[in-house]
Amino acid sequence: RGAQSASEFLKTFNWEKYKKIREVKKE
């Protein structure tokens, strides 16, 4: 169950999109 959840998370995680969110937050 832990492995399946990790798989689902990695499929949806978008590093570049998250950095853009943090750039806005930084401002």
PDB file of all heavy atoms in Angstrom:
ATOM      1  N   ARG A   1       0.830  -1.204   0.000  1.00  0.00           N
ATOM      2  CA  ARG A   1       0.000   0.000   0.000  1.00  0.00           C
ATOM      3  C   ARG A   1       0.868   1.260   0.000  1.00  0.00           C
ATOM      4  O   ARG A   1       0.562   2.242  -0.682  1.00  0.00           O
ATOM      5  CB  ARG A   1      -0.933  -0.006   1.213  1.00  0.00           C
ATOM      6  CG  ARG A   1      -2.100  -0.992   1.090  1.00  0.00           C
ATOM      7  CD  ARG A   1      -2.916  -1.056   2.377  1.00  0.00           C
ATOM      8  NE  ARG A   1      -4.058  -1.936   2.253  1.00  0.00           N
ATOM      9  CZ  ARG A   1      -5.254  -1.584   1.796  1.00  0.00           C
ATOM     10  NH1 ARG A   1      -5.466  -0.325   1.424  1.00  0.00           N
ATOM     11  NH2 ARG A   1      -6.238  -2.446   1.707  1.00  0.00           N
ATOM     12  N   GLY A   2       1.952   1.244   0.763  1.00  0.00           N
ATOM     13  CA  GLY A   2       2.875   2.371   0.742  1.00  0.00           C
ATOM     14  C   GLY A   2       3.515   2.549  -0.620  1.00  0.00           C
ATOM     15  O   GLY A   2       3.650   3.667  -1.125  1.00  0.00           O
ATOM     16  N   ALA A   3       3.899   1.439  -1.234  1.00  0.00           N
ATOM     17  CA  ALA A   3       4.520   1.480  -2.553  1.00  0.00           C
ATOM     18  C   ALA A   3       3.554   2.037  -3.598  1.00  0.00           C
ATOM     19  O   ALA A   3       3.935   2.867  -4.440  1.00  0.00           O
ATOM     20  CB  ALA A   3       4.981   0.077  -2.952  1.00  0.00           C
ATOM     21  N   GLN A   4       2.300   1.587  -3.552  1.00  0.00           N
ATOM     22  CA  GLN A   4       1.306   2.060  -4.513  1.00  0.00           C
ATOM     23  C   GLN A   4       1.074   3.562  -4.369  1.00  0.00           C
ATOM     24  O   GLN A   4       0.963   4.288  -5.364  1.00  0.00           O
ATOM     25  CB  GLN A   4      -0.013   1.309  -4.317  1.00  0.00           C
ATOM     26  CG  GLN A   4      -1.104   1.667  -5.321  1.00  0.00           C
ATOM     27  CD  GLN A   4      -0.707   1.343  -6.748  1.00  0.00           C
ATOM     28  OE1 GLN A   4      -0.347   0.210  -7.050  1.00  0.00           O
ATOM     29  NE2 GLN A   4      -0.763   2.333  -7.623  1.00  0.00           N
ATOM     30  N   SER A   5       1.025   4.033  -3.138  1.00  0.00           N
ATOM     31  CA  SER A   5       0.821   5.463  -2.896  1.00  0.00           C
ATOM     32  C   SER A   5       1.999   6.279  -3.415  1.00  0.00           C
ATOM     33  O   SER A   5       1.808   7.370  -3.976  1.00  0.00           O
ATOM     34  CB  SER A   5       0.613   5.721  -1.405  1.00  0.00           C
ATOM     35  OG  SER A   5      -0.532   5.048  -0.929  1.00  0.00           O
ATOM     36  N   ALA A   6       3.211   5.766  -3.230  1.00  0.00           N
ATOM     37  CA  ALA A   6       4.393   6.467  -3.751  1.00  0.00           C
ATOM     38  C   ALA A   6       4.337   6.558  -5.267  1.00  0.00           C
ATOM     39  O   ALA A   6       4.660   7.594  -5.860  1.00  0.00           O
ATOM     40  CB  ALA A   6       5.663   5.744  -3.308  1.00  0.00           C
ATOM     41  N   SER A   7       3.915   5.473  -5.907  1.00  0.00           N
ATOM     42  CA  SER A   7       3.795   5.461  -7.358  1.00  0.00           C
ATOM     43  C   SER A   7       2.795   6.513  -7.835  1.00  0.00           C
ATOM     44  O   SER A   7       3.067   7.276  -8.784  1.00  0.00           O
ATOM     45  CB  SER A   7       3.366   4.070  -7.836  1.00  0.00           C
ATOM     46  OG  SER A   7       3.092   4.065  -9.217  1.00  0.00           O
ATOM     47  N   GLU A   8       1.649   6.576  -7.180  1.00  0.00           N
ATOM     48  CA  GLU A   8       0.628   7.549  -7.559  1.00  0.00           C
ATOM     49  C   GLU A   8       1.126   8.980  -7.371  1.00  0.00           C
ATOM     50  O   GLU A   8       0.858   9.861  -8.198  1.00  0.00           O
ATOM     51  CB  GLU A   8      -0.639   7.305  -6.734  1.00  0.00           C
ATOM     52  CG  GLU A   8      -1.317   5.976  -7.049  1.00  0.00           C
ATOM     53  CD  GLU A   8      -2.378   5.598  -6.040  1.00  0.00           C
ATOM     54  OE1 GLU A   8      -2.566   6.361  -5.060  1.00  0.00           O
ATOM     55  OE2 GLU A   8      -3.021   4.540  -6.200  1.00  0.00           O
ATOM     56  N   PHE A   9       1.869   9.200  -6.295  1.00  0.00           N
ATOM     57  CA  PHE A   9       2.388  10.544  -6.045  1.00  0.00           C
ATOM     58  C   PHE A   9       3.410  10.957  -7.101  1.00  0.00           C
ATOM     59  O   PHE A   9       3.349  12.064  -7.653  1.00  0.00           O
ATOM     60  CB  PHE A   9       3.019  10.614  -4.657  1.00  0.00           C
ATOM     61  CG  PHE A   9       3.806  11.873  -4.420  1.00  0.00           C
ATOM     62  CD1 PHE A   9       3.167  13.077  -4.198  1.00  0.00           C
ATOM     63  CD2 PHE A   9       5.199  11.857  -4.458  1.00  0.00           C
ATOM     64  CE1 PHE A   9       3.888  14.248  -4.010  1.00  0.00           C
ATOM     65  CE2 PHE A   9       5.924  13.019  -4.269  1.00  0.00           C
ATOM     66  CZ  PHE A   9       5.269  14.221  -4.042  1.00  0.00           C
ATOM     67  N   LEU A  10       4.356  10.079  -7.413  1.00  0.00           N
ATOM     68  CA  LEU A  10       5.411  10.423  -8.359  1.00  0.00           C
ATOM     69  C   LEU A  10       4.854  10.692  -9.754  1.00  0.00           C
ATOM     70  O   LEU A  10       5.409  11.514 -10.498  1.00  0.00           O
ATOM     71  CB  LEU A  10       6.457   9.298  -8.414  1.00  0.00           C
ATOM     72  CG  LEU A  10       7.307   9.108  -7.155  1.00  0.00           C
ATOM     73  CD1 LEU A  10       8.288   7.963  -7.352  1.00  0.00           C
ATOM     74  CD2 LEU A  10       8.049  10.382  -6.783  1.00  0.00           C
ATOM     75  N   LYS A  11       3.783  10.020 -10.105  1.00  0.00           N
ATOM     76  CA  LYS A  11       3.182  10.234 -11.425  1.00  0.00           C
ATOM     77  C   LYS A  11       2.601  11.639 -11.559  1.00  0.00           C
ATOM     78  O   LYS A  11       2.547  12.194 -12.665  1.00  0.00           O
ATOM     79  CB  LYS A  11       2.089   9.196 -11.679  1.00  0.00           C
ATOM     80  CG  LYS A  11       2.600   7.785 -11.947  1.00  0.00           C
ATOM     81  CD  LYS A  11       1.441   6.818 -12.115  1.00  0.00           C
ATOM     82  CE  LYS A  11       1.938   5.400 -12.347  1.00  0.00           C
ATOM     83  NZ  LYS A  11       0.821   4.424 -12.463  1.00  0.00           N
ATOM     84  N   THR A  12       2.152  12.200 -10.460  1.00  0.00           N
ATOM     85  CA  THR A  12       1.491  13.508 -10.526  1.00  0.00           C
ATOM     86  C   THR A  12       2.404  14.668 -10.144  1.00  0.00           C
ATOM     87  O   THR A  12       2.107  15.818 -10.482  1.00  0.00           O
ATOM     88  CB  THR A  12       0.254  13.536  -9.609  1.00  0.00           C
ATOM     89  OG1 THR A  12       0.667  13.287  -8.250  1.00  0.00           O
ATOM     90  CG2 THR A  12      -0.749  12.457 -10.027  1.00  0.00           C
ATOM     91  N   PHE A  13       3.512  14.398  -9.461  1.00  0.00           N
ATOM     92  CA  PHE A  13       4.372  15.486  -9.013  1.00  0.00           C
ATOM     93  C   PHE A  13       5.054  16.159 -10.193  1.00  0.00           C
ATOM     94  O   PHE A  13       5.602  15.504 -11.077  1.00  0.00           O
ATOM     95  CB  PHE A  13       5.427  14.975  -8.030  1.00  0.00           C
ATOM     96  CG  PHE A  13       6.376  16.052  -7.566  1.00  0.00           C
ATOM     97  CD1 PHE A  13       5.934  17.067  -6.732  1.00  0.00           C
ATOM     98  CD2 PHE A  13       7.696  16.069  -7.992  1.00  0.00           C
ATOM     99  CE1 PHE A  13       6.797  18.075  -6.310  1.00  0.00           C
ATOM    100  CE2 PHE A  13       8.567  17.063  -7.579  1.00  0.00           C
ATOM    101  CZ  PHE A  13       8.109  18.072  -6.739  1.00  0.00           C
ATOM    102  N   ASN A  14       5.030  17.498 -10.194  1.00  0.00           N
ATOM    103  CA  ASN A  14       5.635  18.283 -11.260  1.00  0.00           C
ATOM    104  C   ASN A  14       6.585  19.300 -10.642  1.00  0.00           C
ATOM    105  O   ASN A  14       6.154  20.317 -10.090  1.00  0.00           O
ATOM    106  CB  ASN A  14       4.535  18.987 -12.080  1.00  0.00           C
ATOM    107  CG  ASN A  14       5.072  19.682 -13.308  1.00  0.00           C
ATOM    108  OD1 ASN A  14       6.114  20.339 -13.276  1.00  0.00           O
ATOM    109  ND2 ASN A  14       4.353  19.557 -14.416  1.00  0.00           N
ATOM    110  N   TRP A  15       7.866  19.027 -10.714  1.00  0.00           N
ATOM    111  CA  TRP A  15       8.873  19.861 -10.066  1.00  0.00           C
ATOM    112  C   TRP A  15       8.908  21.274 -10.643  1.00  0.00           C
ATOM    113  O   TRP A  15       8.957  22.257  -9.903  1.00  0.00           O
ATOM    114  CB  TRP A  15      10.231  19.182 -10.176  1.00  0.00           C
ATOM    115  CG  TRP A  15      11.425  19.957  -9.706  1.00  0.00           C
ATOM    116  CD1 TRP A  15      12.596  20.142 -10.369  1.00  0.00           C
ATOM    117  CD2 TRP A  15      11.610  20.631  -8.445  1.00  0.00           C
ATOM    118  NE1 TRP A  15      13.487  20.880  -9.624  1.00  0.00           N
ATOM    119  CE2 TRP A  15      12.897  21.192  -8.429  1.00  0.00           C
ATOM    120  CE3 TRP A  15      10.790  20.812  -7.327  1.00  0.00           C
ATOM    121  CZ2 TRP A  15      13.400  21.930  -7.360  1.00  0.00           C
ATOM    122  CZ3 TRP A  15      11.296  21.545  -6.248  1.00  0.00           C
ATOM    123  CH2 TRP A  15      12.572  22.094  -6.269  1.00  0.00           C
ATOM    124  N   GLU A  16       8.868  21.391 -11.953  1.00  0.00           N
ATOM    125  CA  GLU A  16       8.938  22.716 -12.564  1.00  0.00           C
ATOM    126  C   GLU A  16       7.708  23.551 -12.201  1.00  0.00           C
ATOM    127  O   GLU A  16       7.813  24.756 -11.938  1.00  0.00           O
ATOM    128  CB  GLU A  16       9.072  22.592 -14.084  1.00  0.00           C
ATOM    129  CG  GLU A  16      10.400  22.011 -14.542  1.00  0.00           C
ATOM    130  CD  GLU A  16      11.594  22.839 -14.078  1.00  0.00           C
ATOM    131  OE1 GLU A  16      11.464  24.084 -14.059  1.00  0.00           O
ATOM    132  OE2 GLU A  16      12.639  22.253 -13.750  1.00  0.00           O
ATOM    133  N   LYS A  17       6.550  22.920 -12.176  1.00  0.00           N
ATOM    134  CA  LYS A  17       5.328  23.633 -11.794  1.00  0.00           C
ATOM    135  C   LYS A  17       5.406  24.084 -10.340  1.00  0.00           C
ATOM    136  O   LYS A  17       5.023  25.216 -10.003  1.00  0.00           O
ATOM    137  CB  LYS A  17       4.120  22.723 -11.981  1.00  0.00           C
ATOM    138  CG  LYS A  17       2.800  23.345 -11.558  1.00  0.00           C
ATOM    139  CD  LYS A  17       1.646  22.356 -11.747  1.00  0.00           C
ATOM    140  CE  LYS A  17       0.329  22.943 -11.234  1.00  0.00           C
ATOM    141  NZ  LYS A  17      -0.795  21.982 -11.388  1.00  0.00           N
ATOM    142  N   TYR A  18       5.942  23.220  -9.482  1.00  0.00           N
ATOM    143  CA  TYR A  18       6.045  23.582  -8.070  1.00  0.00           C
ATOM    144  C   TYR A  18       7.007  24.752  -7.872  1.00  0.00           C
ATOM    145  O   TYR A  18       6.751  25.647  -7.063  1.00  0.00           O
ATOM    146  CB  TYR A  18       6.490  22.383  -7.235  1.00  0.00           C
ATOM    147  CG  TYR A  18       6.602  22.720  -5.769  1.00  0.00           C
ATOM    148  CD1 TYR A  18       5.471  22.984  -5.011  1.00  0.00           C
ATOM    149  CD2 TYR A  18       7.847  22.831  -5.150  1.00  0.00           C
ATOM    150  CE1 TYR A  18       5.563  23.333  -3.674  1.00  0.00           C
ATOM    151  CE2 TYR A  18       7.947  23.169  -3.809  1.00  0.00           C
ATOM    152  CZ  TYR A  18       6.799  23.422  -3.084  1.00  0.00           C
ATOM    153  OH  TYR A  18       6.894  23.780  -1.761  1.00  0.00           O
ATOM    154  N   LYS A  19       8.107  24.777  -8.609  1.00  0.00           N
ATOM    155  CA  LYS A  19       9.045  25.895  -8.477  1.00  0.00           C
ATOM    156  C   LYS A  19       8.390  27.218  -8.882  1.00  0.00           C
ATOM    157  O   LYS A  19       8.659  28.261  -8.272  1.00  0.00           O
ATOM    158  CB  LYS A  19      10.297  25.634  -9.324  1.00  0.00           C
ATOM    159  CG  LYS A  19      11.239  24.616  -8.731  1.00  0.00           C
ATOM    160  CD  LYS A  19      12.616  24.666  -9.370  1.00  0.00           C
ATOM    161  CE  LYS A  19      12.583  24.228 -10.813  1.00  0.00           C
ATOM    162  NZ  LYS A  19      13.948  24.227 -11.408  1.00  0.00           N
ATOM    163  N   LYS A  20       7.528  27.180  -9.874  1.00  0.00           N
ATOM    164  CA  LYS A  20       6.825  28.407 -10.280  1.00  0.00           C
ATOM    165  C   LYS A  20       5.886  28.880  -9.173  1.00  0.00           C
ATOM    166  O   LYS A  20       5.766  30.086  -8.922  1.00  0.00           O
ATOM    167  CB  LYS A  20       6.057  28.149 -11.570  1.00  0.00           C
ATOM    168  CG  LYS A  20       6.949  27.950 -12.784  1.00  0.00           C
ATOM    169  CD  LYS A  20       6.135  27.648 -14.028  1.00  0.00           C
ATOM    170  CE  LYS A  20       7.055  27.422 -15.232  1.00  0.00           C
ATOM    171  NZ  LYS A  20       6.283  27.062 -16.459  1.00  0.00           N
ATOM    172  N   ILE A  21       5.234  27.930  -8.505  1.00  0.00           N
ATOM    173  CA  ILE A  21       4.368  28.285  -7.373  1.00  0.00           C
ATOM    174  C   ILE A  21       5.190  28.944  -6.271  1.00  0.00           C
ATOM    175  O   ILE A  21       4.793  29.965  -5.694  1.00  0.00           O
ATOM    176  CB  ILE A  21       3.643  27.037  -6.835  1.00  0.00           C
ATOM    177  CG1 ILE A  21       2.660  26.500  -7.875  1.00  0.00           C
ATOM    178  CG2 ILE A  21       2.919  27.345  -5.525  1.00  0.00           C
ATOM    179  CD1 ILE A  21       2.033  25.169  -7.493  1.00  0.00           C
ATOM    180  N   ARG A  22       6.367  28.384  -5.996  1.00  0.00           N
ATOM    181  CA  ARG A  22       7.219  28.931  -4.940  1.00  0.00           C
ATOM    182  C   ARG A  22       7.809  30.281  -5.341  1.00  0.00           C
ATOM    183  O   ARG A  22       8.082  31.127  -4.477  1.00  0.00           O
ATOM    184  CB  ARG A  22       8.329  27.937  -4.596  1.00  0.00           C
ATOM    185  CG  ARG A  22       7.837  26.701  -3.857  1.00  0.00           C
ATOM    186  CD  ARG A  22       7.178  27.041  -2.523  1.00  0.00           C
ATOM    187  NE  ARG A  22       8.103  27.693  -1.622  1.00  0.00           N
ATOM    188  CZ  ARG A  22       8.878  27.047  -0.760  1.00  0.00           C
ATOM    189  NH1 ARG A  22       8.804  25.728  -0.663  1.00  0.00           N
ATOM    190  NH2 ARG A  22       9.690  27.710   0.030  1.00  0.00           N
ATOM    191  N   GLU A  23       8.021  30.501  -6.627  1.00  0.00           N
ATOM    192  CA  GLU A  23       8.516  31.794  -7.091  1.00  0.00           C
ATOM    193  C   GLU A  23       7.502  32.885  -6.795  1.00  0.00           C
ATOM    194  O   GLU A  23       7.852  33.984  -6.335  1.00  0.00           O
ATOM    195  CB  GLU A  23       8.812  31.737  -8.584  1.00  0.00           C
ATOM    196  CG  GLU A  23       9.492  32.966  -9.128  1.00  0.00           C
ATOM    197  CD  GLU A  23      10.898  33.167  -8.591  1.00  0.00           C
ATOM    198  OE1 GLU A  23      11.691  32.207  -8.617  1.00  0.00           O
ATOM    199  OE2 GLU A  23      11.184  34.295  -8.129  1.00  0.00           O
ATOM    200  N   VAL A  24       6.237  32.589  -7.043  1.00  0.00           N
ATOM    201  CA  VAL A  24       5.161  33.542  -6.735  1.00  0.00           C
ATOM    202  C   VAL A  24       5.107  33.798  -5.234  1.00  0.00           C
ATOM    203  O   VAL A  24       4.984  34.948  -4.777  1.00  0.00           O
ATOM    204  CB  VAL A  24       3.802  33.017  -7.245  1.00  0.00           C
ATOM    205  CG1 VAL A  24       2.669  33.910  -6.758  1.00  0.00           C
ATOM    206  CG2 VAL A  24       3.810  32.921  -8.761  1.00  0.00           C
ATOM    207  N   LYS A  25       5.219  32.729  -4.448  1.00  0.00           N
ATOM    208  CA  LYS A  25       5.177  32.853  -2.992  1.00  0.00           C
ATOM    209  C   LYS A  25       6.364  33.685  -2.489  1.00  0.00           C
ATOM    210  O   LYS A  25       6.217  34.510  -1.577  1.00  0.00           O
ATOM    211  CB  LYS A  25       5.195  31.467  -2.361  1.00  0.00           C
ATOM    212  CG  LYS A  25       4.913  31.455  -0.872  1.00  0.00           C
ATOM    213  CD  LYS A  25       4.807  30.019  -0.370  1.00  0.00           C
ATOM    214  CE  LYS A  25       4.402  29.980   1.090  1.00  0.00           C
ATOM    215  NZ  LYS A  25       4.254  28.588   1.591  1.00  0.00           N
ATOM    216  N   LYS A  26       7.514  33.485  -3.093  1.00  0.00           N
ATOM    217  CA  LYS A  26       8.704  34.242  -2.707  1.00  0.00           C
ATOM    218  C   LYS A  26       8.471  35.738  -2.901  1.00  0.00           C
ATOM    219  O   LYS A  26       8.854  36.564  -2.058  1.00  0.00           O
ATOM    220  CB  LYS A  26       9.892  33.779  -3.542  1.00  0.00           C
ATOM    221  CG  LYS A  26      11.161  34.600  -3.348  1.00  0.00           C
ATOM    222  CD  LYS A  26      12.233  34.177  -4.334  1.00  0.00           C
ATOM    223  CE  LYS A  26      13.427  35.110  -4.281  1.00  0.00           C
ATOM    224  NZ  LYS A  26      14.432  34.758  -5.314  1.00  0.00           N
ATOM    225  N   GLU A  27       7.867  36.107  -4.023  1.00  0.00           N
ATOM    226  CA  GLU A  27       7.594  37.521  -4.298  1.00  0.00           C
ATOM    227  C   GLU A  27       6.642  38.111  -3.259  1.00  0.00           C
ATOM    228  O   GLU A  27       6.787  39.267  -2.854  1.00  0.00           O
ATOM    229  CB  GLU A  27       7.000  37.671  -5.700  1.00  0.00           C
ATOM    230  CG  GLU A  27       7.949  37.293  -6.825  1.00  0.00           C
ATOM    231  CD  GLU A  27       9.196  38.157  -6.839  1.00  0.00           C
ATOM    232  OE1 GLU A  27       9.069  39.378  -6.590  1.00  0.00           O
ATOM    233  OE2 GLU A  27      10.297  37.621  -7.073  1.00  0.00           O
TER     234      GLU A  27
END
